[in-house]
Amino acid sequence: MGIVLNHMIIPAADREQAAKFLADLLGLDVGEPAGPFTPVQVNDDLTLDFDDRHGSRAGHYAFLIDDERFDGVLALLAEHPEIDYGSGRELGWDRDINHLGGGRGVYVRDPNGHSYELFTVVPF
């Protein structure tokens, strides 16, 4: 077996709120709390475990997603003007997408300051 990332602990001010934000953004489910963690199963191999015991420290998390899910993200963002998003890098939260690598990409900021980068083609 190669190396497979199995889980990551994501620091949050409110673990339930942070897990729900990511789950809603990507069309995923929030799992049952496990000890101090609220999990979001991202795929067969990866769970993000939100933890609010030590406060939030903003991080950057990037996801390669398909066009259908990307369209769903854009629809959700259009319904929620309070969510910061944008083309990122030089332009920040300009409420636009980018076309790095020939696909579509967007950066979304969650209430804890995390930056979720979503793209349909690996941008590098």
N, C-alpha and C. Protein backbone atom coordinates (compact mmCIF):
# COMPACT_ATOMS: atom_id res chain seq x y z
N MET A 1 0.85 -1.17 0.00
CA MET A 1 0.00 0.00 0.00
C MET A 1 0.89 1.23 0.00
N GLY A 2 0.46 2.24 -0.74
CA GLY A 2 1.15 3.52 -0.73
C GLY A 2 0.78 4.29 0.52
N ILE A 3 0.97 5.56 0.50
CA ILE A 3 0.62 6.42 1.63
C ILE A 3 -0.75 7.03 1.36
N VAL A 4 -1.65 6.89 2.33
CA VAL A 4 -3.00 7.42 2.23
C VAL A 4 -3.26 8.29 3.45
N LEU A 5 -3.62 9.55 3.23
CA LEU A 5 -4.00 10.41 4.34
C LEU A 5 -5.35 9.94 4.85
N ASN A 6 -5.42 9.60 6.14
CA ASN A 6 -6.62 9.01 6.73
C ASN A 6 -7.48 10.04 7.43
N HIS A 7 -6.88 10.94 8.22
CA HIS A 7 -7.66 11.96 8.90
C HIS A 7 -6.78 13.14 9.28
N MET A 8 -7.42 14.27 9.47
CA MET A 8 -6.75 15.48 9.93
C MET A 8 -7.62 16.11 11.01
N ILE A 9 -6.98 16.71 11.99
CA ILE A 9 -7.70 17.44 13.02
C ILE A 9 -7.68 18.91 12.64
N ILE A 10 -8.87 19.50 12.53
CA ILE A 10 -9.03 20.89 12.12
C ILE A 10 -9.45 21.70 13.35
N PRO A 11 -8.62 22.64 13.79
CA PRO A 11 -8.98 23.45 14.96
C PRO A 11 -10.11 24.42 14.62
N ALA A 12 -11.06 24.55 15.53
CA ALA A 12 -12.23 25.40 15.30
C ALA A 12 -12.68 26.04 16.60
N ALA A 13 -13.32 27.19 16.50
CA ALA A 13 -13.91 27.83 17.67
C ALA A 13 -15.16 27.07 18.10
N ASP A 14 -15.91 26.54 17.14
CA ASP A 14 -17.12 25.77 17.39
C ASP A 14 -17.09 24.60 16.43
N ARG A 15 -16.79 23.42 16.94
CA ARG A 15 -16.57 22.26 16.06
C ARG A 15 -17.81 21.88 15.26
N GLU A 16 -18.98 21.98 15.87
CA GLU A 16 -20.22 21.63 15.16
C GLU A 16 -20.46 22.59 14.00
N GLN A 17 -20.31 23.89 14.27
CA GLN A 17 -20.52 24.90 13.23
C GLN A 17 -19.52 24.72 12.09
N ALA A 18 -18.26 24.49 12.43
CA ALA A 18 -17.22 24.34 11.42
C ALA A 18 -17.45 23.10 10.56
N ALA A 19 -17.81 22.00 11.20
CA ALA A 19 -18.09 20.76 10.45
C ALA A 19 -19.29 20.94 9.54
N LYS A 20 -20.34 21.58 10.04
CA LYS A 20 -21.54 21.81 9.23
C LYS A 20 -21.23 22.72 8.04
N PHE A 21 -20.40 23.74 8.24
CA PHE A 21 -20.05 24.64 7.14
C PHE A 21 -19.40 23.86 6.00
N LEU A 22 -18.38 23.05 6.31
CA LEU A 22 -17.70 22.30 5.26
C LEU A 22 -18.63 21.26 4.64
N ALA A 23 -19.40 20.56 5.46
CA ALA A 23 -20.32 19.55 4.94
C ALA A 23 -21.34 20.18 4.00
N ASP A 24 -21.91 21.32 4.39
CA ASP A 24 -22.88 21.99 3.52
C ASP A 24 -22.22 22.47 2.24
N LEU A 25 -21.01 23.00 2.35
CA LEU A 25 -20.30 23.52 1.18
C LEU A 25 -20.06 22.43 0.15
N LEU A 26 -19.65 21.24 0.60
CA LEU A 26 -19.29 20.17 -0.32
C LEU A 26 -20.37 19.11 -0.51
N GLY A 27 -21.53 19.30 0.11
CA GLY A 27 -22.60 18.32 -0.03
C GLY A 27 -22.29 17.01 0.68
N LEU A 28 -21.67 17.11 1.85
CA LEU A 28 -21.30 15.93 2.64
C LEU A 28 -22.14 15.89 3.91
N ASP A 29 -21.94 14.84 4.70
CA ASP A 29 -22.65 14.69 5.96
C ASP A 29 -21.70 14.90 7.13
N VAL A 30 -22.24 15.45 8.19
CA VAL A 30 -21.51 15.54 9.45
C VAL A 30 -21.76 14.23 10.19
N GLY A 31 -20.67 13.60 10.66
CA GLY A 31 -20.80 12.35 11.38
C GLY A 31 -21.13 12.57 12.84
N GLU A 32 -21.38 11.49 13.53
CA GLU A 32 -21.64 11.54 14.96
C GLU A 32 -20.36 11.93 15.68
N PRO A 33 -20.45 12.80 16.69
CA PRO A 33 -19.26 13.17 17.45
C PRO A 33 -18.55 11.93 18.00
N ALA A 34 -17.23 12.00 17.99
CA ALA A 34 -16.40 10.92 18.51
C ALA A 34 -15.40 11.54 19.47
N GLY A 35 -15.67 11.42 20.76
CA GLY A 35 -14.82 12.08 21.75
C GLY A 35 -14.89 13.58 21.54
N PRO A 36 -13.74 14.24 21.44
CA PRO A 36 -13.73 15.69 21.27
C PRO A 36 -13.86 16.15 19.82
N PHE A 37 -14.15 15.24 18.90
CA PHE A 37 -14.14 15.55 17.49
C PHE A 37 -15.53 15.45 16.85
N THR A 38 -15.78 16.33 15.88
CA THR A 38 -16.96 16.22 15.03
C THR A 38 -16.43 15.95 13.62
N PRO A 39 -16.67 14.75 13.09
CA PRO A 39 -16.06 14.35 11.82
C PRO A 39 -16.91 14.68 10.59
N VAL A 40 -16.20 14.93 9.49
CA VAL A 40 -16.81 15.01 8.17
C VAL A 40 -16.02 14.03 7.29
N GLN A 41 -16.71 13.00 6.81
CA GLN A 41 -16.07 12.01 5.93
C GLN A 41 -16.00 12.61 4.54
N VAL A 42 -14.79 12.92 4.06
CA VAL A 42 -14.60 13.58 2.78
C VAL A 42 -14.66 12.58 1.63
N ASN A 43 -14.05 11.42 1.82
CA ASN A 43 -14.09 10.34 0.82
C ASN A 43 -13.85 9.03 1.55
N ASP A 44 -13.65 7.94 0.82
CA ASP A 44 -13.48 6.63 1.46
C ASP A 44 -12.29 6.60 2.42
N ASP A 45 -11.29 7.42 2.17
CA ASP A 45 -10.07 7.36 2.95
C ASP A 45 -9.88 8.49 3.96
N LEU A 46 -10.53 9.62 3.76
CA LEU A 46 -10.20 10.82 4.54
C LEU A 46 -11.37 11.35 5.36
N THR A 47 -11.10 11.56 6.64
CA THR A 47 -12.04 12.22 7.54
C THR A 47 -11.38 13.47 8.09
N LEU A 48 -12.11 14.58 8.10
CA LEU A 48 -11.65 15.79 8.76
C LEU A 48 -12.37 15.86 10.10
N ASP A 49 -11.59 15.90 11.16
CA ASP A 49 -12.13 15.89 12.52
C ASP A 49 -12.01 17.28 13.11
N PHE A 50 -13.13 17.96 13.30
CA PHE A 50 -13.14 19.32 13.85
C PHE A 50 -13.07 19.25 15.36
N ASP A 51 -12.20 20.09 15.93
CA ASP A 51 -11.88 20.06 17.35
C ASP A 51 -11.88 21.48 17.89
N ASP A 52 -12.69 21.74 18.93
CA ASP A 52 -12.75 23.10 19.48
C ASP A 52 -12.14 23.22 20.88
N ARG A 53 -11.32 22.27 21.27
CA ARG A 53 -10.72 22.32 22.60
C ARG A 53 -9.64 23.39 22.75
N HIS A 54 -9.01 23.78 21.65
CA HIS A 54 -7.87 24.71 21.73
C HIS A 54 -8.08 25.97 20.90
N GLY A 55 -9.31 26.27 20.52
CA GLY A 55 -9.58 27.46 19.72
C GLY A 55 -9.25 27.22 18.26
N SER A 56 -9.52 28.23 17.47
CA SER A 56 -9.32 28.13 16.03
C SER A 56 -7.96 28.70 15.61
N ARG A 57 -7.33 28.05 14.65
CA ARG A 57 -6.14 28.56 13.99
C ARG A 57 -6.39 28.36 12.50
N ALA A 58 -6.48 29.46 11.79
CA ALA A 58 -6.84 29.39 10.37
C ALA A 58 -5.86 28.51 9.60
N GLY A 59 -6.41 27.72 8.71
CA GLY A 59 -5.61 26.85 7.85
C GLY A 59 -6.12 26.92 6.42
N HIS A 60 -5.40 26.28 5.53
CA HIS A 60 -5.77 26.24 4.11
C HIS A 60 -5.91 24.77 3.72
N TYR A 61 -7.06 24.43 3.12
CA TYR A 61 -7.35 23.06 2.73
C TYR A 61 -7.87 23.07 1.29
N ALA A 62 -7.25 22.28 0.42
CA ALA A 62 -7.58 22.29 -1.00
C ALA A 62 -8.20 20.96 -1.42
N PHE A 63 -9.25 21.05 -2.26
CA PHE A 63 -9.98 19.87 -2.69
C PHE A 63 -10.16 19.89 -4.21
N LEU A 64 -9.82 18.80 -4.86
CA LEU A 64 -10.13 18.58 -6.26
C LEU A 64 -11.54 18.00 -6.30
N ILE A 65 -12.47 18.69 -6.98
CA ILE A 65 -13.86 18.25 -7.03
C ILE A 65 -14.32 18.22 -8.49
N ASP A 66 -15.41 17.52 -8.75
CA ASP A 66 -15.92 17.45 -10.12
C ASP A 66 -16.77 18.69 -10.44
N ASP A 67 -17.07 18.85 -11.72
CA ASP A 67 -17.81 20.04 -12.18
C ASP A 67 -19.19 20.14 -11.55
N GLU A 68 -19.86 19.03 -11.37
CA GLU A 68 -21.21 19.05 -10.78
C GLU A 68 -21.16 19.57 -9.35
N ARG A 69 -20.21 19.10 -8.57
CA ARG A 69 -20.08 19.57 -7.19
C ARG A 69 -19.66 21.04 -7.17
N PHE A 70 -18.79 21.44 -8.11
CA PHE A 70 -18.37 22.85 -8.19
C PHE A 70 -19.58 23.73 -8.46
N ASP A 71 -20.45 23.30 -9.38
CA ASP A 71 -21.66 24.07 -9.67
C ASP A 71 -22.53 24.18 -8.42
N GLY A 72 -22.60 23.11 -7.62
CA GLY A 72 -23.36 23.14 -6.38
C GLY A 72 -22.78 24.14 -5.38
N VAL A 73 -21.45 24.19 -5.32
CA VAL A 73 -20.78 25.17 -4.44
C VAL A 73 -21.14 26.58 -4.87
N LEU A 74 -21.06 26.85 -6.18
CA LEU A 74 -21.39 28.20 -6.68
C LEU A 74 -22.85 28.56 -6.37
N ALA A 75 -23.75 27.60 -6.50
CA ALA A 75 -25.16 27.86 -6.18
C ALA A 75 -25.32 28.18 -4.70
N LEU A 76 -24.65 27.44 -3.85
CA LEU A 76 -24.72 27.71 -2.41
C LEU A 76 -24.16 29.09 -2.09
N LEU A 77 -23.03 29.45 -2.69
CA LEU A 77 -22.43 30.76 -2.44
C LEU A 77 -23.35 31.89 -2.91
N ALA A 78 -24.05 31.68 -4.02
CA ALA A 78 -24.97 32.70 -4.52
C ALA A 78 -26.13 32.92 -3.55
N GLU A 79 -26.51 31.88 -2.81
CA GLU A 79 -27.60 31.98 -1.84
C GLU A 79 -27.16 32.58 -0.51
N HIS A 80 -25.84 32.67 -0.29
CA HIS A 80 -25.32 33.13 1.01
C HIS A 80 -24.31 34.25 0.81
N PRO A 81 -24.78 35.48 0.64
CA PRO A 81 -23.86 36.60 0.42
C PRO A 81 -22.95 36.89 1.62
N GLU A 82 -23.26 36.33 2.78
CA GLU A 82 -22.42 36.55 3.95
C GLU A 82 -21.12 35.72 3.92
N ILE A 83 -21.04 34.74 3.01
CA ILE A 83 -19.84 33.90 2.92
C ILE A 83 -18.84 34.57 1.98
N ASP A 84 -17.62 34.79 2.49
CA ASP A 84 -16.55 35.34 1.66
C ASP A 84 -16.02 34.28 0.72
N TYR A 85 -15.87 34.64 -0.54
CA TYR A 85 -15.23 33.73 -1.50
C TYR A 85 -14.61 34.57 -2.60
N GLY A 86 -13.74 33.95 -3.36
CA GLY A 86 -13.12 34.67 -4.46
C GLY A 86 -12.13 33.84 -5.23
N SER A 87 -11.53 34.51 -6.20
CA SER A 87 -10.58 33.85 -7.09
C SER A 87 -9.22 33.65 -6.44
N GLY A 88 -9.00 34.27 -5.27
CA GLY A 88 -7.82 34.02 -4.47
C GLY A 88 -6.53 34.62 -4.99
N ARG A 89 -5.46 34.10 -4.46
CA ARG A 89 -4.10 34.56 -4.74
C ARG A 89 -4.02 36.07 -4.75
N GLU A 90 -3.92 36.69 -5.88
CA GLU A 90 -3.74 38.14 -5.93
C GLU A 90 -5.03 38.92 -5.67
N LEU A 91 -6.18 38.34 -5.99
CA LEU A 91 -7.43 39.09 -5.96
C LEU A 91 -8.28 38.86 -4.71
N GLY A 92 -7.91 37.90 -3.89
CA GLY A 92 -8.59 37.69 -2.61
C GLY A 92 -10.05 37.32 -2.72
N TRP A 93 -10.87 37.95 -1.90
CA TRP A 93 -12.30 37.61 -1.77
C TRP A 93 -13.14 38.48 -2.71
N ASP A 94 -12.88 38.38 -4.00
CA ASP A 94 -13.51 39.23 -5.00
C ASP A 94 -14.85 38.70 -5.52
N ARG A 95 -15.36 37.61 -4.92
CA ARG A 95 -16.64 36.99 -5.29
C ARG A 95 -16.64 36.53 -6.76
N ASP A 96 -15.49 36.01 -7.19
CA ASP A 96 -15.32 35.51 -8.55
C ASP A 96 -14.61 34.17 -8.46
N ILE A 97 -14.47 33.48 -9.59
CA ILE A 97 -13.72 32.23 -9.65
C ILE A 97 -12.47 32.46 -10.49
N ASN A 98 -11.57 31.48 -10.45
CA ASN A 98 -10.37 31.55 -11.30
C ASN A 98 -10.39 30.39 -12.29
N HIS A 99 -9.43 30.41 -13.19
CA HIS A 99 -9.31 29.35 -14.21
C HIS A 99 -7.89 28.83 -14.27
N LEU A 100 -7.28 28.68 -13.10
CA LEU A 100 -5.91 28.17 -13.01
C LEU A 100 -5.87 26.73 -13.50
N GLY A 101 -4.90 26.40 -14.33
CA GLY A 101 -4.76 25.04 -14.84
C GLY A 101 -5.78 24.68 -15.89
N GLY A 102 -6.62 25.63 -16.32
CA GLY A 102 -7.61 25.36 -17.35
C GLY A 102 -8.96 24.92 -16.82
N GLY A 103 -9.10 24.74 -15.52
CA GLY A 103 -10.38 24.38 -14.93
C GLY A 103 -10.98 25.58 -14.23
N ARG A 104 -11.84 25.31 -13.25
CA ARG A 104 -12.43 26.38 -12.45
C ARG A 104 -11.99 26.20 -11.01
N GLY A 105 -11.78 27.32 -10.33
CA GLY A 105 -11.38 27.26 -8.94
C GLY A 105 -11.96 28.41 -8.15
N VAL A 106 -12.08 28.20 -6.85
CA VAL A 106 -12.58 29.25 -5.96
C VAL A 106 -12.02 29.00 -4.56
N TYR A 107 -11.83 30.08 -3.84
CA TYR A 107 -11.43 30.03 -2.43
C TYR A 107 -12.63 30.48 -1.61
N VAL A 108 -12.91 29.75 -0.53
CA VAL A 108 -14.04 30.07 0.33
C VAL A 108 -13.53 30.18 1.76
N ARG A 109 -13.91 31.25 2.45
CA ARG A 109 -13.48 31.43 3.85
C ARG A 109 -14.61 31.03 4.78
N ASP A 110 -14.29 30.17 5.73
CA ASP A 110 -15.30 29.74 6.70
C ASP A 110 -15.29 30.65 7.92
N PRO A 111 -16.26 30.53 8.82
CA PRO A 111 -16.34 31.42 9.98
C PRO A 111 -15.12 31.36 10.91
N ASN A 112 -14.30 30.32 10.81
CA ASN A 112 -13.10 30.20 11.64
C ASN A 112 -11.86 30.77 10.95
N GLY A 113 -12.03 31.32 9.74
CA GLY A 113 -10.91 31.88 9.01
C GLY A 113 -10.20 30.89 8.11
N HIS A 114 -10.65 29.62 8.11
CA HIS A 114 -10.04 28.64 7.22
C HIS A 114 -10.34 29.02 5.76
N SER A 115 -9.40 28.71 4.90
CA SER A 115 -9.57 28.93 3.48
C SER A 115 -9.71 27.56 2.81
N TYR A 116 -10.87 27.34 2.20
CA TYR A 116 -11.08 26.11 1.44
C TYR A 116 -10.90 26.44 -0.03
N GLU A 117 -9.92 25.80 -0.66
CA GLU A 117 -9.69 26.00 -2.09
C GLU A 117 -10.33 24.82 -2.81
N LEU A 118 -11.20 25.12 -3.75
CA LEU A 118 -11.91 24.08 -4.50
C LEU A 118 -11.60 24.29 -5.97
N PHE A 119 -11.19 23.21 -6.65
CA PHE A 119 -10.84 23.34 -8.06
C PHE A 119 -11.24 22.09 -8.82
N THR A 120 -11.51 22.26 -10.12
CA THR A 120 -11.94 21.15 -10.97
C THR A 120 -10.78 20.52 -11.73
N VAL A 121 -9.67 21.20 -11.79
CA VAL A 121 -8.42 20.71 -12.41
C VAL A 121 -7.28 21.13 -11.50
N VAL A 122 -6.34 20.25 -11.25
CA VAL A 122 -5.21 20.60 -10.40
C VAL A 122 -4.54 21.83 -11.01
N PRO A 123 -4.43 22.92 -10.23
CA PRO A 123 -3.98 24.20 -10.79
C PRO A 123 -2.49 24.31 -11.06
N PHE A 124 -1.70 23.33 -10.72
CA PHE A 124 -0.25 23.46 -10.90
C PHE A 124 0.25 22.64 -12.06
